[in-house]
PDB file of N, CA and C in Angstrom:
ATOM      1  N   MET A   1      36.264  33.991  28.053  1.00  0.00           N
ATOM      2  CA  MET A   1      36.238  34.844  29.302  1.00  0.00           C
ATOM      3  C   MET A   1      35.182  34.415  30.179  1.00  0.00           C
ATOM      4  N   LYS A   2      35.447  34.424  31.510  1.00  0.00           N
ATOM      5  CA  LYS A   2      34.577  33.961  32.365  1.00  0.00           C
ATOM      6  C   LYS A   2      33.289  34.825  32.503  1.00  0.00           C
ATOM      7  N   LYS A   3      32.103  34.280  32.761  1.00  0.00           N
ATOM      8  CA  LYS A   3      30.969  35.051  32.951  1.00  0.00           C
ATOM      9  C   LYS A   3      30.971  35.959  34.086  1.00  0.00           C
ATOM     10  N   LEU A   4      30.366  37.006  34.076  1.00  0.00           N
ATOM     11  CA  LEU A   4      30.279  38.019  35.152  1.00  0.00           C
ATOM     12  C   LEU A   4      29.656  37.462  36.462  1.00  0.00           C
ATOM     13  N   SER A   5      28.707  36.552  36.199  1.00  0.00           N
ATOM     14  CA  SER A   5      27.931  36.052  37.367  1.00  0.00           C
ATOM     15  C   SER A   5      28.842  35.067  38.051  1.00  0.00           C
ATOM     16  N   ALA A   6      30.047  34.661  37.533  1.00  0.00           N
ATOM     17  CA  ALA A   6      30.950  33.757  38.108  1.00  0.00           C
ATOM     18  C   ALA A   6      32.138  34.648  38.880  1.00  0.00           C
ATOM     19  N   ILE A   7      32.291  35.832  38.364  1.00  0.00           N
ATOM     20  CA  ILE A   7      33.334  36.641  38.898  1.00  0.00           C
ATOM     21  C   ILE A   7      32.856  37.462  40.139  1.00  0.00           C
ATOM     22  N   VAL A   8      31.662  37.982  39.956  1.00  0.00           N
ATOM     23  CA  VAL A   8      31.179  38.911  40.921  1.00  0.00           C
ATOM     24  C   VAL A   8      31.127  38.320  42.345  1.00  0.00           C
ATOM     25  N   PRO A   9      30.519  37.067  42.577  1.00  0.00           N
ATOM     26  CA  PRO A   9      30.571  36.586  43.923  1.00  0.00           C
ATOM     27  C   PRO A   9      32.087  36.291  44.498  1.00  0.00           C
ATOM     28  N   ARG A  10      33.057  36.167  43.679  1.00  0.00           N
ATOM     29  CA  ARG A  10      34.313  35.891  44.228  1.00  0.00           C
ATOM     30  C   ARG A  10      35.169  37.235  44.699  1.00  0.00           C
ATOM     31  N   TRP A  11      34.559  38.343  44.011  1.00  0.00           N
ATOM     32  CA  TRP A  11      35.119  39.744  44.375  1.00  0.00           C
ATOM     33  C   TRP A  11      34.320  40.454  45.354  1.00  0.00           C
ATOM     34  N   LEU A  12      33.051  39.863  45.625  1.00  0.00           N
ATOM     35  CA  LEU A  12      32.180  40.637  46.435  1.00  0.00           C
ATOM     36  C   LEU A  12      32.752  40.959  47.924  1.00  0.00           C
ATOM     37  N   PRO A  13      33.315  39.937  48.445  1.00  0.00           N
ATOM     38  CA  PRO A  13      33.985  40.052  49.807  1.00  0.00           C
ATOM     39  C   PRO A  13      34.981  41.179  49.930  1.00  0.00           C
ATOM     40  N   ALA A  14      35.900  41.287  48.882  1.00  0.00           N
ATOM     41  CA  ALA A  14      36.941  42.403  48.734  1.00  0.00           C
ATOM     42  C   ALA A  14      36.206  43.680  48.538  1.00  0.00           C
ATOM     43  N   LEU A  15      35.271  43.665  47.700  1.00  0.00           N
ATOM     44  CA  LEU A  15      34.527  45.000  47.420  1.00  0.00           C
ATOM     45  C   LEU A  15      33.944  45.494  48.644  1.00  0.00           C
ATOM     46  N   LEU A  16      33.212  44.757  49.373  1.00  0.00           N
ATOM     47  CA  LEU A  16      32.650  45.050  50.612  1.00  0.00           C
ATOM     48  C   LEU A  16      33.572  45.590  51.671  1.00  0.00           C
ATOM     49  N   LEU A  17      34.685  44.854  51.760  1.00  0.00           N
ATOM     50  CA  LEU A  17      35.824  45.273  52.871  1.00  0.00           C
ATOM     51  C   LEU A  17      36.376  46.531  52.262  1.00  0.00           C
ATOM     52  N   MET A  18      36.689  46.794  50.969  1.00  0.00           N
ATOM     53  CA  MET A  18      37.236  48.084  50.581  1.00  0.00           C
ATOM     54  C   MET A  18      36.188  49.263  50.869  1.00  0.00           C
ATOM     55  N   ILE A  19      34.907  49.091  50.693  1.00  0.00           N
ATOM     56  CA  ILE A  19      33.889  50.017  51.054  1.00  0.00           C
ATOM     57  C   ILE A  19      33.857  50.280  52.595  1.00  0.00           C
ATOM     58  N   ALA A  20      33.963  49.269  53.326  1.00  0.00           N
ATOM     59  CA  ALA A  20      33.975  49.446  54.769  1.00  0.00           C
ATOM     60  C   ALA A  20      35.218  50.242  55.224  1.00  0.00           C
ATOM     61  N   ILE A  21      36.427  49.931  54.644  1.00  0.00           N
ATOM     62  CA  ILE A  21      37.601  50.765  55.048  1.00  0.00           C
ATOM     63  C   ILE A  21      37.503  52.143  54.686  1.00  0.00           C
ATOM     64  N   PHE A  22      36.969  52.374  53.420  1.00  0.00           N
ATOM     65  CA  PHE A  22      36.788  53.692  52.875  1.00  0.00           C
ATOM     66  C   PHE A  22      35.915  54.460  53.777  1.00  0.00           C
ATOM     67  N   ALA A  23      34.777  53.792  54.219  1.00  0.00           N
ATOM     68  CA  ALA A  23      33.858  54.517  55.072  1.00  0.00           C
ATOM     69  C   ALA A  23      34.502  54.864  56.477  1.00  0.00           C
ATOM     70  N   PHE A  24      35.304  53.913  57.113  1.00  0.00           N
ATOM     71  CA  PHE A  24      35.936  54.257  58.355  1.00  0.00           C
ATOM     72  C   PHE A  24      36.894  55.367  58.245  1.00  0.00           C
ATOM     73  N   SER A  25      37.639  55.306  57.141  1.00  0.00           N
ATOM     74  CA  SER A  25      38.711  56.438  56.929  1.00  0.00           C
ATOM     75  C   SER A  25      38.042  57.776  56.464  1.00  0.00           C
ATOM     76  N   SER A  26      36.810  57.822  56.146  1.00  0.00           N
ATOM     77  CA  SER A  26      36.104  59.055  55.713  1.00  0.00           C
ATOM     78  C   SER A  26      35.692  59.827  56.900  1.00  0.00           C
ATOM     79  N   ARG A  27      35.666  59.158  58.163  1.00  0.00           N
ATOM     80  CA  ARG A  27      35.159  59.858  59.244  1.00  0.00           C
ATOM     81  C   ARG A  27      36.179  60.911  59.762  1.00  0.00           C
ATOM     82  N   THR A  28      35.717  61.963  60.113  1.00  0.00           N
ATOM     83  CA  THR A  28      36.577  63.065  60.643  1.00  0.00           C
ATOM     84  C   THR A  28      37.127  62.689  61.990  1.00  0.00           C
ATOM     85  N   SER A  29      38.122  63.268  62.432  1.00  0.00           N
ATOM     86  CA  SER A  29      38.678  63.008  63.792  1.00  0.00           C
ATOM     87  C   SER A  29      37.667  63.111  64.827  1.00  0.00           C
ATOM     88  N   ASN A  30      36.687  64.050  64.904  1.00  0.00           N
ATOM     89  CA  ASN A  30      35.802  64.361  65.841  1.00  0.00           C
ATOM     90  C   ASN A  30      34.715  63.100  65.839  1.00  0.00           C
ATOM     91  N   GLU A  31      34.480  62.462  64.600  1.00  0.00           N
ATOM     92  CA  GLU A  31      33.541  61.386  64.574  1.00  0.00           C
ATOM     93  C   GLU A  31      34.130  60.061  65.075  1.00  0.00           C
ATOM     94  N   LEU A  32      35.451  60.007  65.352  1.00  0.00           N
ATOM     95  CA  LEU A  32      36.040  58.681  65.680  1.00  0.00           C
ATOM     96  C   LEU A  32      35.903  58.413  67.243  1.00  0.00           C
ATOM     97  N   PRO A  33      35.649  57.177  67.550  1.00  0.00           N
ATOM     98  CA  PRO A  33      35.602  56.799  69.012  1.00  0.00           C
ATOM     99  C   PRO A  33      36.819  57.082  69.763  1.00  0.00           C
ATOM    100  N   ASN A  34      36.783  57.317  70.945  1.00  0.00           N
ATOM    101  CA  ASN A  34      38.034  57.283  71.795  1.00  0.00           C
ATOM    102  C   ASN A  34      38.170  56.188  72.698  1.00  0.00           C
ATOM    103  N   PHE A  35      39.283  55.446  72.832  1.00  0.00           N
ATOM    104  CA  PHE A  35      39.413  54.245  73.533  1.00  0.00           C
ATOM    105  C   PHE A  35      40.316  54.481  74.577  1.00  0.00           C
ATOM    106  N   GLY A  36      40.475  55.733  75.021  1.00  0.00           N
ATOM    107  CA  GLY A  36      41.214  56.156  76.168  1.00  0.00           C
ATOM    108  C   GLY A  36      42.600  55.643  76.030  1.00  0.00           C
ATOM    109  N   GLY A  37      43.076  54.911  77.143  1.00  0.00           N
ATOM    110  CA  GLY A  37      44.527  54.315  77.212  1.00  0.00           C
ATOM    111  C   GLY A  37      44.800  53.251  76.197  1.00  0.00           C
ATOM    112  N   TRP A  38      43.652  52.734  75.573  1.00  0.00           N
ATOM    113  CA  TRP A  38      43.668  51.661  74.645  1.00  0.00           C
ATOM    114  C   TRP A  38      43.666  52.096  73.236  1.00  0.00           C
ATOM    115  N   GLU A  39      43.724  53.517  73.020  1.00  0.00           N
ATOM    116  CA  GLU A  39      43.488  54.097  71.683  1.00  0.00           C
ATOM    117  C   GLU A  39      44.519  53.568  70.709  1.00  0.00           C
ATOM    118  N   TYR A  40      45.743  53.638  70.958  1.00  0.00           N
ATOM    119  CA  TYR A  40      46.797  53.202  70.015  1.00  0.00           C
ATOM    120  C   TYR A  40      46.551  51.723  69.628  1.00  0.00           C
ATOM    121  N   PHE A  41      46.431  50.928  70.684  1.00  0.00           N
ATOM    122  CA  PHE A  41      46.439  49.519  70.481  1.00  0.00           C
ATOM    123  C   PHE A  41      45.131  49.157  69.653  1.00  0.00           C
ATOM    124  N   VAL A  42      43.930  49.671  70.049  1.00  0.00           N
ATOM    125  CA  VAL A  42      42.768  49.257  69.302  1.00  0.00           C
ATOM    126  C   VAL A  42      42.831  49.683  67.872  1.00  0.00           C
ATOM    127  N   LYS A  43      43.250  50.939  67.548  1.00  0.00           N
ATOM    128  CA  LYS A  43      43.190  51.539  66.254  1.00  0.00           C
ATOM    129  C   LYS A  43      44.203  50.770  65.264  1.00  0.00           C
ATOM    130  N   LYS A  44      45.436  50.461  65.894  1.00  0.00           N
ATOM    131  CA  LYS A  44      46.444  49.775  65.185  1.00  0.00           C
ATOM    132  C   LYS A  44      46.134  48.272  64.940  1.00  0.00           C
ATOM    133  N   SER A  45      45.532  47.695  65.871  1.00  0.00           N
ATOM    134  CA  SER A  45      44.964  46.350  65.761  1.00  0.00           C
ATOM    135  C   SER A  45      43.957  46.304  64.710  1.00  0.00           C
ATOM    136  N   ALA A  46      43.096  47.317  64.566  1.00  0.00           N
ATOM    137  CA  ALA A  46      41.965  47.338  63.635  1.00  0.00           C
ATOM    138  C   ALA A  46      42.600  47.438  62.255  1.00  0.00           C
ATOM    139  N   HIS A  47      43.612  48.203  62.109  1.00  0.00           N
ATOM    140  CA  HIS A  47      44.392  48.234  60.792  1.00  0.00           C
ATOM    141  C   HIS A  47      44.884  46.899  60.324  1.00  0.00           C
ATOM    142  N   GLY A  48      45.620  46.088  61.309  1.00  0.00           N
ATOM    143  CA  GLY A  48      46.144  44.910  60.903  1.00  0.00           C
ATOM    144  C   GLY A  48      44.931  43.941  60.571  1.00  0.00           C
ATOM    145  N   ILE A  49      43.865  43.862  61.392  1.00  0.00           N
ATOM    146  CA  ILE A  49      42.725  42.933  61.057  1.00  0.00           C
ATOM    147  C   ILE A  49      42.147  43.308  59.846  1.00  0.00           C
ATOM    148  N   GLY A  50      41.929  44.547  59.585  1.00  0.00           N
ATOM    149  CA  GLY A  50      41.124  44.936  58.346  1.00  0.00           C
ATOM    150  C   GLY A  50      41.977  44.531  57.156  1.00  0.00           C
ATOM    151  N   TYR A  51      43.209  44.910  57.128  1.00  0.00           N
ATOM    152  CA  TYR A  51      44.020  44.629  55.983  1.00  0.00           C
ATOM    153  C   TYR A  51      44.300  43.066  55.774  1.00  0.00           C
ATOM    154  N   GLY A  52      44.251  42.317  57.110  1.00  0.00           N
ATOM    155  CA  GLY A  52      44.449  40.876  56.772  1.00  0.00           C
ATOM    156  C   GLY A  52      43.345  40.360  56.245  1.00  0.00           C
ATOM    157  N   LEU A  53      42.133  40.762  56.666  1.00  0.00           N
ATOM    158  CA  LEU A  53      40.880  40.276  55.959  1.00  0.00           C
ATOM    159  C   LEU A  53      40.764  40.617  54.579  1.00  0.00           C
ATOM    160  N   LEU A  54      41.178  41.785  54.350  1.00  0.00           N
ATOM    161  CA  LEU A  54      41.189  42.230  52.929  1.00  0.00           C
ATOM    162  C   LEU A  54      42.089  41.511  51.996  1.00  0.00           C
ATOM    163  N   ALA A  55      43.298  41.156  52.434  1.00  0.00           N
ATOM    164  CA  ALA A  55      44.336  40.278  51.731  1.00  0.00           C
ATOM    165  C   ALA A  55      43.706  38.947  51.581  1.00  0.00           C
ATOM    166  N   LEU A  56      43.070  38.326  52.507  1.00  0.00           N
ATOM    167  CA  LEU A  56      42.386  37.122  52.355  1.00  0.00           C
ATOM    168  C   LEU A  56      41.286  37.107  51.455  1.00  0.00           C
ATOM    169  N   SER A  57      40.478  38.190  51.321  1.00  0.00           N
ATOM    170  CA  SER A  57      39.454  38.293  50.387  1.00  0.00           C
ATOM    171  C   SER A  57      39.941  38.516  48.868  1.00  0.00           C
ATOM    172  N   TYR A  58      41.061  39.194  48.804  1.00  0.00           N
ATOM    173  CA  TYR A  58      41.807  39.170  47.523  1.00  0.00           C
ATOM    174  C   TYR A  58      42.218  37.748  46.985  1.00  0.00           C
ATOM    175  N   LEU A  59      42.776  37.045  48.007  1.00  0.00           N
ATOM    176  CA  LEU A  59      43.248  35.657  47.772  1.00  0.00           C
ATOM    177  C   LEU A  59      42.124  34.793  47.308  1.00  0.00           C
ATOM    178  N   HIS A  60      40.981  34.990  47.881  1.00  0.00           N
ATOM    179  CA  HIS A  60      39.773  34.219  47.543  1.00  0.00           C
ATOM    180  C   HIS A  60      39.360  34.525  46.129  1.00  0.00           C
ATOM    181  N   ALA A  61      39.494  35.799  45.726  1.00  0.00           N
ATOM    182  CA  ALA A  61      39.005  36.237  44.363  1.00  0.00           C
ATOM    183  C   ALA A  61      40.054  36.010  43.272  1.00  0.00           C
ATOM    184  N   LEU A  62      41.165  35.900  43.622  1.00  0.00           N
ATOM    185  CA  LEU A  62      42.283  35.704  42.495  1.00  0.00           C
ATOM    186  C   LEU A  62      42.437  34.152  42.031  1.00  0.00           C
ATOM    187  N   PRO A  63      42.653  34.076  40.841  1.00  0.00           N
ATOM    188  CA  PRO A  63      42.908  32.649  40.293  1.00  0.00           C
ATOM    189  C   PRO A  63      44.249  32.071  40.969  1.00  0.00           C
ATOM    190  N   ASN A  64      44.169  30.842  41.093  1.00  0.00           N
ATOM    191  CA  ASN A  64      45.498  30.099  41.626  1.00  0.00           C
ATOM    192  C   ASN A  64      45.995  30.501  42.884  1.00  0.00           C
ATOM    193  N   ARG A  65      45.164  31.085  43.779  1.00  0.00           N
ATOM    194  CA  ARG A  65      45.675  31.346  45.122  1.00  0.00           C
ATOM    195  C   ARG A  65      47.002  32.221  45.100  1.00  0.00           C
ATOM    196  N   ASN A  66      47.104  33.317  44.400  1.00  0.00           N
ATOM    197  CA  ASN A  66      48.209  33.986  44.240  1.00  0.00           C
ATOM    198  C   ASN A  66      48.498  34.896  45.480  1.00  0.00           C
ATOM    199  N   TYR A  67      49.353  34.344  46.417  1.00  0.00           N
ATOM    200  CA  TYR A  67      49.516  34.973  47.589  1.00  0.00           C
ATOM    201  C   TYR A  67      50.349  36.278  47.435  1.00  0.00           C
ATOM    202  N   LYS A  68      51.291  36.416  46.602  1.00  0.00           N
ATOM    203  CA  LYS A  68      51.977  37.673  46.356  1.00  0.00           C
ATOM    204  C   LYS A  68      51.104  38.655  45.839  1.00  0.00           C
ATOM    205  N   LEU A  69      50.206  38.459  44.860  1.00  0.00           N
ATOM    206  CA  LEU A  69      49.378  39.408  44.343  1.00  0.00           C
ATOM    207  C   LEU A  69      48.316  39.944  45.369  1.00  0.00           C
ATOM    208  N   ALA A  70      47.794  38.915  46.215  1.00  0.00           N
ATOM    209  CA  ALA A  70      46.880  39.243  47.232  1.00  0.00           C
ATOM    210  C   ALA A  70      47.515  40.279  48.232  1.00  0.00           C
ATOM    211  N   TRP A  71      48.752  39.979  48.731  1.00  0.00           N
ATOM    212  CA  TRP A  71      49.471  40.924  49.518  1.00  0.00           C
ATOM    213  C   TRP A  71      49.692  42.321  48.932  1.00  0.00           C
ATOM    214  N   PHE A  72      50.160  42.202  47.690  1.00  0.00           N
ATOM    215  CA  PHE A  72      50.379  43.472  46.857  1.00  0.00           C
ATOM    216  C   PHE A  72      49.072  44.382  46.752  1.00  0.00           C
ATOM    217  N   LEU A  73      47.931  43.750  46.438  1.00  0.00           N
ATOM    218  CA  LEU A  73      46.705  44.494  46.247  1.00  0.00           C
ATOM    219  C   LEU A  73      46.229  45.099  47.699  1.00  0.00           C
ATOM    220  N   ALA A  74      46.451  44.430  48.698  1.00  0.00           N
ATOM    221  CA  ALA A  74      46.113  44.914  50.040  1.00  0.00           C
ATOM    222  C   ALA A  74      46.978  46.113  50.404  1.00  0.00           C
ATOM    223  N   VAL A  75      48.256  45.933  50.229  1.00  0.00           N
ATOM    224  CA  VAL A  75      49.237  47.067  50.506  1.00  0.00           C
ATOM    225  C   VAL A  75      48.871  48.253  49.533  1.00  0.00           C
ATOM    226  N   LEU A  76      48.617  48.049  48.328  1.00  0.00           N
ATOM    227  CA  LEU A  76      48.203  49.023  47.232  1.00  0.00           C
ATOM    228  C   LEU A  76      47.053  49.794  47.765  1.00  0.00           C
ATOM    229  N   TYR A  77      45.944  48.999  48.180  1.00  0.00           N
ATOM    230  CA  TYR A  77      44.750  49.629  48.720  1.00  0.00           C
ATOM    231  C   TYR A  77      44.992  50.456  49.899  1.00  0.00           C
ATOM    232  N   SER A  78      45.787  50.046  50.778  1.00  0.00           N
ATOM    233  CA  SER A  78      46.252  50.595  52.090  1.00  0.00           C
ATOM    234  C   SER A  78      46.809  52.036  51.661  1.00  0.00           C
ATOM    235  N   LEU A  79      47.719  52.166  50.662  1.00  0.00           N
ATOM    236  CA  LEU A  79      48.249  53.279  50.248  1.00  0.00           C
ATOM    237  C   LEU A  79      47.277  54.334  49.753  1.00  0.00           C
ATOM    238  N   THR A  80      46.494  53.919  48.812  1.00  0.00           N
ATOM    239  CA  THR A  80      45.378  54.709  48.284  1.00  0.00           C
ATOM    240  C   THR A  80      44.444  55.200  49.353  1.00  0.00           C
ATOM    241  N   ASP A  81      44.122  54.294  50.389  1.00  0.00           N
ATOM    242  CA  ASP A  81      43.280  54.789  51.410  1.00  0.00           C
ATOM    243  C   ASP A  81      43.918  55.882  52.272  1.00  0.00           C
ATOM    244  N   GLU A  82      45.188  55.701  52.522  1.00  0.00           N
ATOM    245  CA  GLU A  82      45.914  56.712  53.378  1.00  0.00           C
ATOM    246  C   GLU A  82      45.928  58.006  52.626  1.00  0.00           C
ATOM    247  N   PHE A  83      45.969  57.919  51.276  1.00  0.00           N
ATOM    248  CA  PHE A  83      46.028  59.167  50.619  1.00  0.00           C
ATOM    249  C   PHE A  83      44.737  59.824  50.634  1.00  0.00           C
ATOM    250  N   HIS A  84      43.702  59.057  50.516  1.00  0.00           N
ATOM    251  CA  HIS A  84      42.200  59.511  50.602  1.00  0.00           C
ATOM    252  C   HIS A  84      42.134  60.220  51.975  1.00  0.00           C
ATOM    253  N   GLN A  85      42.646  59.470  53.130  1.00  0.00           N
ATOM    254  CA  GLN A  85      42.457  60.035  54.421  1.00  0.00           C
ATOM    255  C   GLN A  85      43.181  61.430  54.649  1.00  0.00           C
ATOM    256  N   SER A  86      44.085  61.650  53.843  1.00  0.00           N
ATOM    257  CA  SER A  86      44.795  62.957  54.026  1.00  0.00           C
ATOM    258  C   SER A  86      43.988  64.146  53.638  1.00  0.00           C
ATOM    259  N   PHE A  87      42.744  63.880  52.995  1.00  0.00           N
ATOM    260  CA  PHE A  87      41.839  64.832  52.677  1.00  0.00           C
ATOM    261  C   PHE A  87      40.642  65.018  53.615  1.00  0.00           C
ATOM    262  N   VAL A  88      40.555  64.153  54.684  1.00  0.00           N
ATOM    263  CA  VAL A  88      39.597  64.247  55.641  1.00  0.00           C
ATOM    264  C   VAL A  88      39.990  65.119  56.771  1.00  0.00           C
ATOM    265  N   PRO A  89      39.065  66.050  57.219  1.00  0.00           N
ATOM    266  CA  PRO A  89      39.413  66.928  58.328  1.00  0.00           C
ATOM    267  C   PRO A  89      39.841  66.293  59.538  1.00  0.00           C
ATOM    268  N   GLY A  90      41.043  66.759  60.116  1.00  0.00           N
ATOM    269  CA  GLY A  90      41.451  66.199  61.304  1.00  0.00           C
ATOM    270  C   GLY A  90      42.205  64.825  61.130  1.00  0.00           C
ATOM    271  N   ARG A  91      42.388  64.381  59.980  1.00  0.00           N
ATOM    272  CA  ARG A  91      42.943  63.070  59.735  1.00  0.00           C
ATOM    273  C   ARG A  91      44.196  63.364  58.890  1.00  0.00           C
ATOM    274  N   ARG A  92      45.224  62.331  58.940  1.00  0.00           N
ATOM    275  CA  ARG A  92      46.411  62.605  58.278  1.00  0.00           C
ATOM    276  C   ARG A  92      46.852  61.214  57.673  1.00  0.00           C
ATOM    277  N   ALA A  93      47.580  61.213  56.558  1.00  0.00           N
ATOM    278  CA  ALA A  93      48.002  59.973  55.934  1.00  0.00           C
ATOM    279  C   ALA A  93      49.331  59.464  56.727  1.00  0.00           C
ATOM    280  N   SER A  94      49.423  58.185  56.950  1.00  0.00           N
ATOM    281  CA  SER A  94      50.538  57.572  57.650  1.00  0.00           C
ATOM    282  C   SER A  94      51.152  56.553  56.850  1.00  0.00           C
ATOM    283  N   LEU A  95      52.323  56.565  56.346  1.00  0.00           N
ATOM    284  CA  LEU A  95      53.013  55.546  55.805  1.00  0.00           C
ATOM    285  C   LEU A  95      53.447  54.452  56.742  1.00  0.00           C
ATOM    286  N   ILE A  96      53.531  54.886  58.123  1.00  0.00           N
ATOM    287  CA  ILE A  96      53.724  53.834  59.135  1.00  0.00           C
ATOM    288  C   ILE A  96      52.514  52.861  59.231  1.00  0.00           C
ATOM    289  N   ASP A  97      51.313  53.430  59.098  1.00  0.00           N
ATOM    290  CA  ASP A  97      50.188  52.611  59.061  1.00  0.00           C
ATOM    291  C   ASP A  97      50.166  51.613  57.918  1.00  0.00           C
ATOM    292  N   VAL A  98      50.606  52.086  56.743  1.00  0.00           N
ATOM    293  CA  VAL A  98      50.713  51.242  55.517  1.00  0.00           C
ATOM    294  C   VAL A  98      51.716  50.095  55.639  1.00  0.00           C
ATOM    295  N   PHE A  99      52.903  50.502  55.951  1.00  0.00           N
ATOM    296  CA  PHE A  99      54.078  49.682  55.791  1.00  0.00           C
ATOM    297  C   PHE A  99      54.300  48.805  57.154  1.00  0.00           C
ATOM    298  N   VAL A 100      53.804  49.180  58.201  1.00  0.00           N
ATOM    299  CA  VAL A 100      53.857  48.405  59.540  1.00  0.00           C
ATOM    300  C   VAL A 100      52.610  47.707  59.693  1.00  0.00           C
ATOM    301  N   PHE A 101      51.497  48.381  60.178  1.00  0.00           N
ATOM    302  CA  PHE A 101      50.250  47.662  60.518  1.00  0.00           C
ATOM    303  C   PHE A 101      49.410  47.074  59.548  1.00  0.00           C
ATOM    304  N   ASP A 102      49.345  47.685  58.410  1.00  0.00           N
ATOM    305  CA  ASP A 102      48.525  47.121  57.354  1.00  0.00           C
ATOM    306  C   ASP A 102      49.238  46.016  56.482  1.00  0.00           C
ATOM    307  N   ASN A 103      50.490  46.222  56.350  1.00  0.00           N
ATOM    308  CA  ASN A 103      51.442  45.223  55.655  1.00  0.00           C
ATOM    309  C   ASN A 103      51.536  44.031  56.637  1.00  0.00           C
ATOM    310  N   ILE A 104      51.751  44.237  57.873  1.00  0.00           N
ATOM    311  CA  ILE A 104      51.870  42.972  58.839  1.00  0.00           C
ATOM    312  C   ILE A 104      50.594  42.255  58.957  1.00  0.00           C
ATOM    313  N   GLY A 105      49.439  42.942  59.000  1.00  0.00           N
ATOM    314  CA  GLY A 105      48.172  42.331  59.118  1.00  0.00           C
ATOM    315  C   GLY A 105      47.966  41.395  57.744  1.00  0.00           C
ATOM    316  N   ALA A 106      48.250  42.085  56.676  1.00  0.00           N
ATOM    317  CA  ALA A 106      48.050  41.314  55.336  1.00  0.00           C
ATOM    318  C   ALA A 106      49.053  40.061  55.416  1.00  0.00           C
ATOM    319  N   ILE A 107      50.406  40.247  55.726  1.00  0.00           N
ATOM    320  CA  ILE A 107      51.294  39.242  55.661  1.00  0.00           C
ATOM    321  C   ILE A 107      50.902  38.076  56.649  1.00  0.00           C
ATOM    322  N   LEU A 108      50.558  38.421  57.879  1.00  0.00           N
ATOM    323  CA  LEU A 108      50.213  37.494  58.903  1.00  0.00           C
ATOM    324  C   LEU A 108      48.921  36.658  58.467  1.00  0.00           C
ATOM    325  N   ALA A 109      48.018  37.260  57.976  1.00  0.00           N
ATOM    326  CA  ALA A 109      46.805  36.570  57.601  1.00  0.00           C
ATOM    327  C   ALA A 109      46.974  35.564  56.394  1.00  0.00           C
ATOM    328  N   LEU A 110      47.732  36.138  55.515  1.00  0.00           N
ATOM    329  CA  LEU A 110      48.156  35.263  54.333  1.00  0.00           C
ATOM    330  C   LEU A 110      48.975  33.926  54.778  1.00  0.00           C
ATOM    331  N   PHE A 111      49.962  34.287  55.680  1.00  0.00           N
ATOM    332  CA  PHE A 111      50.887  33.266  56.176  1.00  0.00           C
ATOM    333  C   PHE A 111      50.124  32.171  56.963  1.00  0.00           C
ATOM    334  N   LEU A 112      49.215  32.662  57.787  1.00  0.00           N
ATOM    335  CA  LEU A 112      48.382  31.669  58.556  1.00  0.00           C
ATOM    336  C   LEU A 112      47.574  30.912  57.560  1.00  0.00           C
ATOM    337  N   HIS A 113      46.942  31.591  56.632  1.00  0.00           N
ATOM    338  CA  HIS A 113      46.133  30.806  55.662  1.00  0.00           C
ATOM    339  C   HIS A 113      47.021  29.744  54.974  1.00  0.00           C
ATOM    340  N   PHE A 114      48.240  30.031  54.675  1.00  0.00           N
ATOM    341  CA  PHE A 114      49.088  29.269  53.824  1.00  0.00           C
ATOM    342  C   PHE A 114      49.467  28.143  54.719  1.00  0.00           C
ATOM    343  N   ILE A 115      49.846  28.233  55.993  1.00  0.00           N
ATOM    344  CA  ILE A 115      50.169  27.226  56.872  1.00  0.00           C
ATOM    345  C   ILE A 115      49.096  26.207  57.325  1.00  0.00           C
ATOM    346  N   LEU A 116      47.946  26.846  57.553  1.00  0.00           N
ATOM    347  CA  LEU A 116      46.822  26.040  57.935  1.00  0.00           C
ATOM    348  C   LEU A 116      46.282  25.349  56.768  1.00  0.00           C
ATOM    349  N   GLY A 117      46.289  25.926  55.532  1.00  0.00           N
ATOM    350  CA  GLY A 117      45.837  25.250  54.291  1.00  0.00           C
ATOM    351  C   GLY A 117      46.771  24.166  53.956  1.00  0.00           C
ATOM    352  N   ARG A 118      48.155  24.310  54.160  1.00  0.00           N
ATOM    353  CA  ARG A 118      49.057  23.232  53.786  1.00  0.00           C
ATOM    354  C   ARG A 118      48.879  22.055  54.727  1.00  0.00           C
ATOM    355  N   GLY A 119      48.716  22.277  56.023  1.00  0.00           N
ATOM    356  CA  GLY A 119      48.409  21.120  56.865  1.00  0.00           C
ATOM    357  C   GLY A 119      47.119  20.375  56.532  1.00  0.00           C
ATOM    358  N   ARG A 120      46.073  21.177  56.229  1.00  0.00           N
ATOM    359  CA  ARG A 120      44.842  20.494  55.804  1.00  0.00           C
ATOM    360  C   ARG A 120      45.071  19.647  54.518  1.00  0.00           C
ATOM    361  N   HIS A 121      45.890  20.290  53.519  1.00  0.00           N
ATOM    362  CA  HIS A 121      46.129  19.490  52.239  1.00  0.00           C
ATOM    363  C   HIS A 121      46.956  18.346  52.585  1.00  0.00           C
ATOM    364  N   GLU A 122      47.946  18.362  53.442  1.00  0.00           N
ATOM    365  CA  GLU A 122      48.797  17.086  53.713  1.00  0.00           C
ATOM    366  C   GLU A 122      47.855  16.099  54.368  1.00  0.00           C
ATOM    367  N   LYS A 123      46.854  16.422  55.143  1.00  0.00           N
ATOM    368  CA  LYS A 123      45.965  15.313  55.709  1.00  0.00           C
ATOM    369  C   LYS A 123      45.110  14.743  54.622  1.00  0.00           C
ATOM    370  N   GLU A 124      44.683  15.559  53.641  1.00  0.00           N
ATOM    371  CA  GLU A 124      43.989  15.039  52.493  1.00  0.00           C
ATOM    372  C   GLU A 124      44.715  14.047  51.792  1.00  0.00           C
ATOM    373  N   ILE A 125      45.999  14.180  51.599  1.00  0.00           N
ATOM    374  CA  ILE A 125      46.855  13.330  50.725  1.00  0.00           C
ATOM    375  C   ILE A 125      47.139  12.006  51.426  1.00  0.00           C
ATOM    376  N   HIS A 126      47.192  11.928  52.715  1.00  0.00           N
ATOM    377  CA  HIS A 126      47.561  10.734  53.542  1.00  0.00           C
ATOM    378  C   HIS A 126      46.283  10.030  53.809  1.00  0.00           C
TER     379      HIS A 126
END
């Protein structure tokens, strides 16, 4: 079994992102910033970016660059976070956030990583 000192640094980015996402979703509706006419765009973009980064951090932590598992863990965390958010005053859970914005953010980030990584790998071979 791998030593804990080797495992913790690989999982630290994912843990920090999960804590950050949890902290943001713990804020009541009165504590959230208002972006005026950009409200929807800014907040949904933040969902996509946050879960894209979370998926990449899972990919970093998992052995053998398991893209499917990294995606699954990001979406699973999104589901649990939306459930948590349903208990926060003035907030509600949204499956649209999970299956559209968070899911697409995770897929896009992992896809870009795969494509850019493949190009870099092909250059190393030649």
